[in-house]
C-alpha cells in the first residue's frame, strides 16, 4: 500500500515528460538532506520491501519516497 507521500510523488512524476534522471532530480532538488541516517534508513526500508514508517524524520520520507519513485520509473521504462 502506498502512503500519501508516495502517491503524490508518483502523480507529480506521471505528468512530467522527463527522462529518469530529470524525474529523480525533480524529487531531490527541493532542499538538502539534513539527516543522512534517516534518509538512508528510509531508502533501505524501501529496498528491503519494508512498509513505510509514519512519524519519522522528513528525510526518512524523502529516502523512502525517492527510492520508491526511482524503482517505479525504472520498472515503467523496462516494460516499454
PDB file of N, CA and C in Angstrom:
ATOM      1  N   UNK A   1       0.841  -1.187   0.000  1.00  0.00           N
ATOM      2  CA  UNK A   1       0.000   0.000   0.000  1.00  0.00           C
ATOM      3  C   UNK A   1       0.882   1.245   0.000  1.00  0.00           C
ATOM      4  N   UNK A   2       0.550   2.208  -0.830  1.00  0.00           N
ATOM      5  CA  UNK A   2       1.345   3.420  -0.957  1.00  0.00           C
ATOM      6  C   UNK A   2       0.881   4.469   0.043  1.00  0.00           C
ATOM      7  N   UNK A   3       1.846   5.165   0.618  1.00  0.00           N
ATOM      8  CA  UNK A   3       1.489   6.263   1.516  1.00  0.00           C
ATOM      9  C   UNK A   3       1.086   7.477   0.685  1.00  0.00           C
ATOM     10  N   UNK A   4       0.530   8.469   1.329  1.00  0.00           N
ATOM     11  CA  UNK A   4       0.146   9.697   0.639  1.00  0.00           C
ATOM     12  C   UNK A   4       1.329  10.372  -0.025  1.00  0.00           C
ATOM     13  N   UNK A   5       2.491  10.328   0.636  1.00  0.00           N
ATOM     14  CA  UNK A   5       3.704  10.918   0.072  1.00  0.00           C
ATOM     15  C   UNK A   5       4.054  10.241  -1.249  1.00  0.00           C
ATOM     16  N   UNK A   6       4.047   8.926  -1.257  1.00  0.00           N
ATOM     17  CA  UNK A   6       4.424   8.194  -2.465  1.00  0.00           C
ATOM     18  C   UNK A   6       3.420   8.416  -3.585  1.00  0.00           C
ATOM     19  N   UNK A   7       2.150   8.435  -3.249  1.00  0.00           N
ATOM     20  CA  UNK A   7       1.132   8.700  -4.267  1.00  0.00           C
ATOM     21  C   UNK A   7       1.328  10.086  -4.876  1.00  0.00           C
ATOM     22  N   UNK A   8       1.642  11.054  -4.028  1.00  0.00           N
ATOM     23  CA  UNK A   8       1.871  12.409  -4.521  1.00  0.00           C
ATOM     24  C   UNK A   8       3.080  12.498  -5.440  1.00  0.00           C
ATOM     25  N   UNK A   9       4.153  11.818  -5.069  1.00  0.00           N
ATOM     26  CA  UNK A   9       5.360  11.820  -5.902  1.00  0.00           C
ATOM     27  C   UNK A   9       5.061  11.182  -7.248  1.00  0.00           C
ATOM     28  N   UNK A  10       4.400  10.030  -7.222  1.00  0.00           N
ATOM     29  CA  UNK A  10       4.109   9.339  -8.479  1.00  0.00           C
ATOM     30  C   UNK A  10       3.156  10.133  -9.358  1.00  0.00           C
ATOM     31  N   UNK A  11       2.163  10.776  -8.760  1.00  0.00           N
ATOM     32  CA  UNK A  11       1.231  11.596  -9.538  1.00  0.00           C
ATOM     33  C   UNK A  11       1.964  12.768 -10.181  1.00  0.00           C
ATOM     34  N   UNK A  12       2.843  13.387  -9.420  1.00  0.00           N
ATOM     35  CA  UNK A  12       3.630  14.504  -9.935  1.00  0.00           C
ATOM     36  C   UNK A  12       4.487  14.055 -11.116  1.00  0.00           C
ATOM     37  N   UNK A  13       5.180  12.929 -10.941  1.00  0.00           N
ATOM     38  CA  UNK A  13       6.096  12.458 -11.982  1.00  0.00           C
ATOM     39  C   UNK A  13       5.368  11.961 -13.219  1.00  0.00           C
ATOM     40  N   UNK A  14       4.201  11.400 -13.037  1.00  0.00           N
ATOM     41  CA  UNK A  14       3.451  10.866 -14.168  1.00  0.00           C
ATOM     42  C   UNK A  14       3.111  11.952 -15.180  1.00  0.00           C
ATOM     43  N   UNK A  15       2.873  13.156 -14.712  1.00  0.00           N
ATOM     44  CA  UNK A  15       2.514  14.253 -15.594  1.00  0.00           C
ATOM     45  C   UNK A  15       3.703  14.931 -16.260  1.00  0.00           C
ATOM     46  N   UNK A  16       4.906  14.506 -15.932  1.00  0.00           N
ATOM     47  CA  UNK A  16       6.101  15.131 -16.471  1.00  0.00           C
ATOM     48  C   UNK A  16       6.636  14.315 -17.644  1.00  0.00           C
ATOM     49  N   UNK A  17       7.063  14.995 -18.688  1.00  0.00           N
ATOM     50  CA  UNK A  17       7.677  14.323 -19.824  1.00  0.00           C
ATOM     51  C   UNK A  17       9.191  14.374 -19.711  1.00  0.00           C
ATOM     52  N   UNK A  18       9.737  13.825 -18.647  1.00  0.00           N
ATOM     53  CA  UNK A  18      11.171  13.904 -18.386  1.00  0.00           C
ATOM     54  C   UNK A  18      11.806  12.524 -18.473  1.00  0.00           C
ATOM     55  N   UNK A  19      13.126  12.514 -18.641  1.00  0.00           N
ATOM     56  CA  UNK A  19      13.816  11.236 -18.554  1.00  0.00           C
ATOM     57  C   UNK A  19      13.985  10.863 -17.082  1.00  0.00           C
ATOM     58  N   UNK A  20      14.506   9.680 -16.828  1.00  0.00           N
ATOM     59  CA  UNK A  20      14.588   9.172 -15.460  1.00  0.00           C
ATOM     60  C   UNK A  20      15.437  10.076 -14.567  1.00  0.00           C
ATOM     61  N   UNK A  21      16.578  10.514 -15.043  1.00  0.00           N
ATOM     62  CA  UNK A  21      17.445  11.369 -14.227  1.00  0.00           C
ATOM     63  C   UNK A  21      16.751  12.689 -13.892  1.00  0.00           C
ATOM     64  N   UNK A  22      16.074  13.283 -14.860  1.00  0.00           N
ATOM     65  CA  UNK A  22      15.352  14.533 -14.601  1.00  0.00           C
ATOM     66  C   UNK A  22      14.230  14.314 -13.590  1.00  0.00           C
ATOM     67  N   UNK A  23      13.526  13.193 -13.702  1.00  0.00           N
ATOM     68  CA  UNK A  23      12.452  12.896 -12.759  1.00  0.00           C
ATOM     69  C   UNK A  23      13.004  12.731 -11.349  1.00  0.00           C
ATOM     70  N   UNK A  24      14.084  11.964 -11.210  1.00  0.00           N
ATOM     71  CA  UNK A  24      14.675  11.745  -9.893  1.00  0.00           C
ATOM     72  C   UNK A  24      15.175  13.060  -9.303  1.00  0.00           C
ATOM     73  N   UNK A  25      15.826  13.858 -10.117  1.00  0.00           N
ATOM     74  CA  UNK A  25      16.328  15.150  -9.638  1.00  0.00           C
ATOM     75  C   UNK A  25      15.199  16.075  -9.216  1.00  0.00           C
ATOM     76  N   UNK A  26      14.051  15.988  -9.884  1.00  0.00           N
ATOM     77  CA  UNK A  26      12.928  16.856  -9.512  1.00  0.00           C
ATOM     78  C   UNK A  26      12.413  16.526  -8.115  1.00  0.00           C
ATOM     79  N   UNK A  27      12.541  15.273  -7.699  1.00  0.00           N
ATOM     80  CA  UNK A  27      12.130  14.877  -6.355  1.00  0.00           C
ATOM     81  C   UNK A  27      13.161  15.331  -5.326  1.00  0.00           C
ATOM     82  N   UNK A  28      14.432  15.251  -5.681  1.00  0.00           N
ATOM     83  CA  UNK A  28      15.500  15.507  -4.726  1.00  0.00           C
ATOM     84  C   UNK A  28      15.915  16.968  -4.610  1.00  0.00           C
ATOM     85  N   UNK A  29      15.536  17.826  -5.535  1.00  0.00           N
ATOM     86  CA  UNK A  29      16.065  19.197  -5.530  1.00  0.00           C
ATOM     87  C   UNK A  29      15.372  20.151  -4.568  1.00  0.00           C
ATOM     88  N   UNK A  30      14.289  19.739  -3.941  1.00  0.00           N
ATOM     89  CA  UNK A  30      13.536  20.642  -3.080  1.00  0.00           C
ATOM     90  C   UNK A  30      14.394  21.288  -1.996  1.00  0.00           C
ATOM     91  N   UNK A  31      15.160  20.485  -1.300  1.00  0.00           N
ATOM     92  CA  UNK A  31      16.043  21.017  -0.265  1.00  0.00           C
ATOM     93  C   UNK A  31      17.094  19.967   0.066  1.00  0.00           C
ATOM     94  N   UNK A  32      18.134  20.405   0.760  1.00  0.00           N
ATOM     95  CA  UNK A  32      19.219  19.497   1.114  1.00  0.00           C
ATOM     96  C   UNK A  32      18.774  18.498   2.173  1.00  0.00           C
ATOM     97  N   UNK A  33      19.426  17.353   2.174  1.00  0.00           N
ATOM     98  CA  UNK A  33      19.193  16.341   3.205  1.00  0.00           C
ATOM     99  C   UNK A  33      19.911  16.805   4.464  1.00  0.00           C
ATOM    100  N   UNK A  34      19.195  16.839   5.574  1.00  0.00           N
ATOM    101  CA  UNK A  34      19.800  17.284   6.830  1.00  0.00           C
ATOM    102  C   UNK A  34      20.129  16.114   7.743  1.00  0.00           C
ATOM    103  N   UNK A  35      19.457  14.992   7.561  1.00  0.00           N
ATOM    104  CA  UNK A  35      19.693  13.811   8.397  1.00  0.00           C
ATOM    105  C   UNK A  35      19.963  12.632   7.469  1.00  0.00           C
ATOM    106  N   UNK A  36      21.227  12.434   7.151  1.00  0.00           N
ATOM    107  CA  UNK A  36      21.614  11.395   6.199  1.00  0.00           C
ATOM    108  C   UNK A  36      21.221  10.014   6.703  1.00  0.00           C
ATOM    109  N   UNK A  37      21.359   9.780   7.986  1.00  0.00           N
ATOM    110  CA  UNK A  37      20.991   8.484   8.562  1.00  0.00           C
ATOM    111  C   UNK A  37      19.522   8.165   8.349  1.00  0.00           C
ATOM    112  N   UNK A  38      18.658   9.155   8.547  1.00  0.00           N
ATOM    113  CA  UNK A  38      17.218   8.951   8.339  1.00  0.00           C
ATOM    114  C   UNK A  38      16.920   8.711   6.867  1.00  0.00           C
ATOM    115  N   UNK A  39      17.578   9.467   5.991  1.00  0.00           N
ATOM    116  CA  UNK A  39      17.381   9.279   4.548  1.00  0.00           C
ATOM    117  C   UNK A  39      17.757   7.864   4.136  1.00  0.00           C
ATOM    118  N   UNK A  40      18.931   7.412   4.574  1.00  0.00           N
ATOM    119  CA  UNK A  40      19.392   6.074   4.220  1.00  0.00           C
ATOM    120  C   UNK A  40      18.518   4.981   4.838  1.00  0.00           C
ATOM    121  N   UNK A  41      18.001   5.229   6.042  1.00  0.00           N
ATOM    122  CA  UNK A  41      17.095   4.255   6.666  1.00  0.00           C
ATOM    123  C   UNK A  41      15.817   4.121   5.837  1.00  0.00           C
ATOM    124  N   UNK A  42      15.289   5.238   5.365  1.00  0.00           N
ATOM    125  CA  UNK A  42      14.091   5.184   4.521  1.00  0.00           C
ATOM    126  C   UNK A  42      14.364   4.475   3.211  1.00  0.00           C
ATOM    127  N   UNK A  43      15.485   4.791   2.600  1.00  0.00           N
ATOM    128  CA  UNK A  43      15.845   4.147   1.339  1.00  0.00           C
ATOM    129  C   UNK A  43      16.046   2.648   1.537  1.00  0.00           C
ATOM    130  N   UNK A  44      16.720   2.273   2.618  1.00  0.00           N
ATOM    131  CA  UNK A  44      16.963   0.858   2.909  1.00  0.00           C
ATOM    132  C   UNK A  44      15.659   0.117   3.168  1.00  0.00           C
ATOM    133  N   UNK A  45      14.752   0.720   3.917  1.00  0.00           N
ATOM    134  CA  UNK A  45      13.450   0.085   4.162  1.00  0.00           C
ATOM    135  C   UNK A  45      12.721  -0.183   2.859  1.00  0.00           C
ATOM    136  N   UNK A  46      12.772   0.771   1.941  1.00  0.00           N
ATOM    137  CA  UNK A  46      12.112   0.600   0.655  1.00  0.00           C
ATOM    138  C   UNK A  46      12.764  -0.523  -0.144  1.00  0.00           C
ATOM    139  N   UNK A  47      14.083  -0.553  -0.180  1.00  0.00           N
ATOM    140  CA  UNK A  47      14.808  -1.588  -0.914  1.00  0.00           C
ATOM    141  C   UNK A  47      14.465  -2.972  -0.370  1.00  0.00           C
ATOM    142  N   UNK A  48      14.369  -3.085   0.947  1.00  0.00           N
ATOM    143  CA  UNK A  48      14.078  -4.373   1.584  1.00  0.00           C
ATOM    144  C   UNK A  48      12.607  -4.757   1.492  1.00  0.00           C
ATOM    145  N   UNK A  49      11.766  -3.817   1.034  1.00  0.00           N
ATOM    146  CA  UNK A  49      10.335  -4.094   0.935  1.00  0.00           C
ATOM    147  C   UNK A  49       9.573  -3.898   2.226  1.00  0.00           C
ATOM    148  N   UNK A  50      10.192  -3.222   3.208  1.00  0.00           N
ATOM    149  CA  UNK A  50       9.517  -2.933   4.469  1.00  0.00           C
ATOM    150  C   UNK A  50       8.488  -1.828   4.274  1.00  0.00           C
ATOM    151  N   UNK A  51       7.459  -1.857   5.064  1.00  0.00           N
ATOM    152  CA  UNK A  51       6.419  -0.827   4.993  1.00  0.00           C
ATOM    153  C   UNK A  51       6.993   0.525   5.413  1.00  0.00           C
ATOM    154  N   UNK A  52       6.460   1.591   4.817  1.00  0.00           N
ATOM    155  CA  UNK A  52       6.849   2.956   5.177  1.00  0.00           C
ATOM    156  C   UNK A  52       6.427   3.234   6.610  1.00  0.00           C
ATOM    157  N   UNK A  53       7.344   3.777   7.406  1.00  0.00           N
ATOM    158  CA  UNK A  53       7.056   4.091   8.807  1.00  0.00           C
ATOM    159  C   UNK A  53       6.575   5.533   8.915  1.00  0.00           C
ATOM    160  N   UNK A  54       5.456   5.722   9.554  1.00  0.00           N
ATOM    161  CA  UNK A  54       4.918   7.073   9.746  1.00  0.00           C
ATOM    162  C   UNK A  54       5.548   7.738  10.956  1.00  0.00           C
ATOM    163  N   UNK A  55       5.610   9.046  10.897  1.00  0.00           N
ATOM    164  CA  UNK A  55       6.079   9.822  12.041  1.00  0.00           C
ATOM    165  C   UNK A  55       7.586   9.908  12.167  1.00  0.00           C
ATOM    166  N   UNK A  56       8.302   9.487  11.162  1.00  0.00           N
ATOM    167  CA  UNK A  56       9.775   9.576  11.193  1.00  0.00           C
ATOM    168  C   UNK A  56      10.224  10.944  10.678  1.00  0.00           C
ATOM    169  N   UNK A  57      11.502  11.160  10.709  1.00  0.00           N
ATOM    170  CA  UNK A  57      12.100  12.404  10.216  1.00  0.00           C
ATOM    171  C   UNK A  57      11.712  12.610   8.745  1.00  0.00           C
ATOM    172  N   UNK A  58      11.513  13.839   8.310  1.00  0.00           N
ATOM    173  CA  UNK A  58      11.168  14.092   6.906  1.00  0.00           C
ATOM    174  C   UNK A  58      12.181  13.513   5.906  1.00  0.00           C
ATOM    175  N   UNK A  59      13.447  13.414   6.308  1.00  0.00           N
ATOM    176  CA  UNK A  59      14.435  12.827   5.409  1.00  0.00           C
ATOM    177  C   UNK A  59      14.229  11.321   5.245  1.00  0.00           C
ATOM    178  N   UNK A  60      13.647  10.662   6.244  1.00  0.00           N
ATOM    179  CA  UNK A  60      13.278   9.251   6.090  1.00  0.00           C
ATOM    180  C   UNK A  60      12.234   9.141   4.974  1.00  0.00           C
ATOM    181  N   UNK A  61      11.242  10.024   5.021  1.00  0.00           N
ATOM    182  CA  UNK A  61      10.199  10.038   3.986  1.00  0.00           C
ATOM    183  C   UNK A  61      10.801  10.279   2.610  1.00  0.00           C
ATOM    184  N   UNK A  62      11.737  11.200   2.527  1.00  0.00           N
ATOM    185  CA  UNK A  62      12.384  11.506   1.241  1.00  0.00           C
ATOM    186  C   UNK A  62      13.196  10.321   0.739  1.00  0.00           C
ATOM    187  N   UNK A  63      13.901   9.647   1.641  1.00  0.00           N
ATOM    188  CA  UNK A  63      14.683   8.481   1.243  1.00  0.00           C
ATOM    189  C   UNK A  63      13.805   7.358   0.738  1.00  0.00           C
ATOM    190  N   UNK A  64      12.737   7.106   1.473  1.00  0.00           N
ATOM    191  CA  UNK A  64      11.808   6.043   1.077  1.00  0.00           C
ATOM    192  C   UNK A  64      11.109   6.416  -0.235  1.00  0.00           C
ATOM    193  N   UNK A  65      10.625   7.641  -0.285  1.00  0.00           N
ATOM    194  CA  UNK A  65       9.885   8.094  -1.470  1.00  0.00           C
ATOM    195  C   UNK A  65      10.746   8.172  -2.712  1.00  0.00           C
ATOM    196  N   UNK A  66      11.991   8.633  -2.568  1.00  0.00           N
ATOM    197  CA  UNK A  66      12.853   8.744  -3.742  1.00  0.00           C
ATOM    198  C   UNK A  66      13.249   7.372  -4.274  1.00  0.00           C
ATOM    199  N   UNK A  67      13.510   6.416  -3.386  1.00  0.00           N
ATOM    200  CA  UNK A  67      13.844   5.061  -3.837  1.00  0.00           C
ATOM    201  C   UNK A  67      12.633   4.416  -4.510  1.00  0.00           C
ATOM    202  N   UNK A  68      11.462   4.617  -3.910  1.00  0.00           N
ATOM    203  CA  UNK A  68      10.240   4.041  -4.487  1.00  0.00           C
ATOM    204  C   UNK A  68       9.978   4.638  -5.871  1.00  0.00           C
ATOM    205  N   UNK A  69      10.105   5.941  -5.970  1.00  0.00           N
ATOM    206  CA  UNK A  69       9.875   6.601  -7.258  1.00  0.00           C
ATOM    207  C   UNK A  69      10.884   6.136  -8.301  1.00  0.00           C
ATOM    208  N   UNK A  70      12.155   6.004  -7.905  1.00  0.00           N
ATOM    209  CA  UNK A  70      13.177   5.534  -8.834  1.00  0.00           C
ATOM    210  C   UNK A  70      12.857   4.130  -9.332  1.00  0.00           C
ATOM    211  N   UNK A  71      12.458   3.247  -8.421  1.00  0.00           N
ATOM    212  CA  UNK A  71      12.117   1.881  -8.825  1.00  0.00           C
ATOM    213  C   UNK A  71      10.920   1.863  -9.766  1.00  0.00           C
ATOM    214  N   UNK A  72       9.935   2.718  -9.507  1.00  0.00           N
ATOM    215  CA  UNK A  72       8.758   2.782 -10.386  1.00  0.00           C
ATOM    216  C   UNK A  72       9.140   3.295 -11.773  1.00  0.00           C
ATOM    217  N   UNK A  73      10.012   4.299 -11.809  1.00  0.00           N
ATOM    218  CA  UNK A  73      10.444   4.832 -13.116  1.00  0.00           C
ATOM    219  C   UNK A  73      11.221   3.776 -13.896  1.00  0.00           C
ATOM    220  N   UNK A  74      12.097   3.057 -13.231  1.00  0.00           N
ATOM    221  CA  UNK A  74      12.881   2.036 -13.913  1.00  0.00           C
ATOM    222  C   UNK A  74      12.004   0.881 -14.390  1.00  0.00           C
ATOM    223  N   UNK A  75      11.027   0.507 -13.588  1.00  0.00           N
ATOM    224  CA  UNK A  75      10.106  -0.561 -13.966  1.00  0.00           C
ATOM    225  C   UNK A  75       9.281  -0.132 -15.174  1.00  0.00           C
ATOM    226  N   UNK A  76       8.779   1.099 -15.156  1.00  0.00           N
ATOM    227  CA  UNK A  76       7.981   1.593 -16.279  1.00  0.00           C
ATOM    228  C   UNK A  76       8.811   1.643 -17.547  1.00  0.00           C
ATOM    229  N   UNK A  77      10.045   2.061 -17.425  1.00  0.00           N
ATOM    230  CA  UNK A  77      10.919   2.151 -18.592  1.00  0.00           C
ATOM    231  C   UNK A  77      11.240   0.770 -19.143  1.00  0.00           C
ATOM    232  N   UNK A  78      11.460  -0.200 -18.252  1.00  0.00           N
ATOM    233  CA  UNK A  78      11.798  -1.556 -18.681  1.00  0.00           C
ATOM    234  C   UNK A  78      10.629  -2.257 -19.355  1.00  0.00           C
ATOM    235  N   UNK A  79       9.413  -1.845 -18.991  1.00  0.00           N
ATOM    236  CA  UNK A  79       8.233  -2.511 -19.557  1.00  0.00           C
ATOM    237  C   UNK A  79       7.817  -1.935 -20.904  1.00  0.00           C
ATOM    238  N   UNK A  80       8.534  -0.925 -21.387  1.00  0.00           N
ATOM    239  CA  UNK A  80       8.213  -0.331 -22.693  1.00  0.00           C
ATOM    240  C   UNK A  80       8.613  -1.246 -23.812  1.00  0.00           C
TER     241      UNK A  80
END
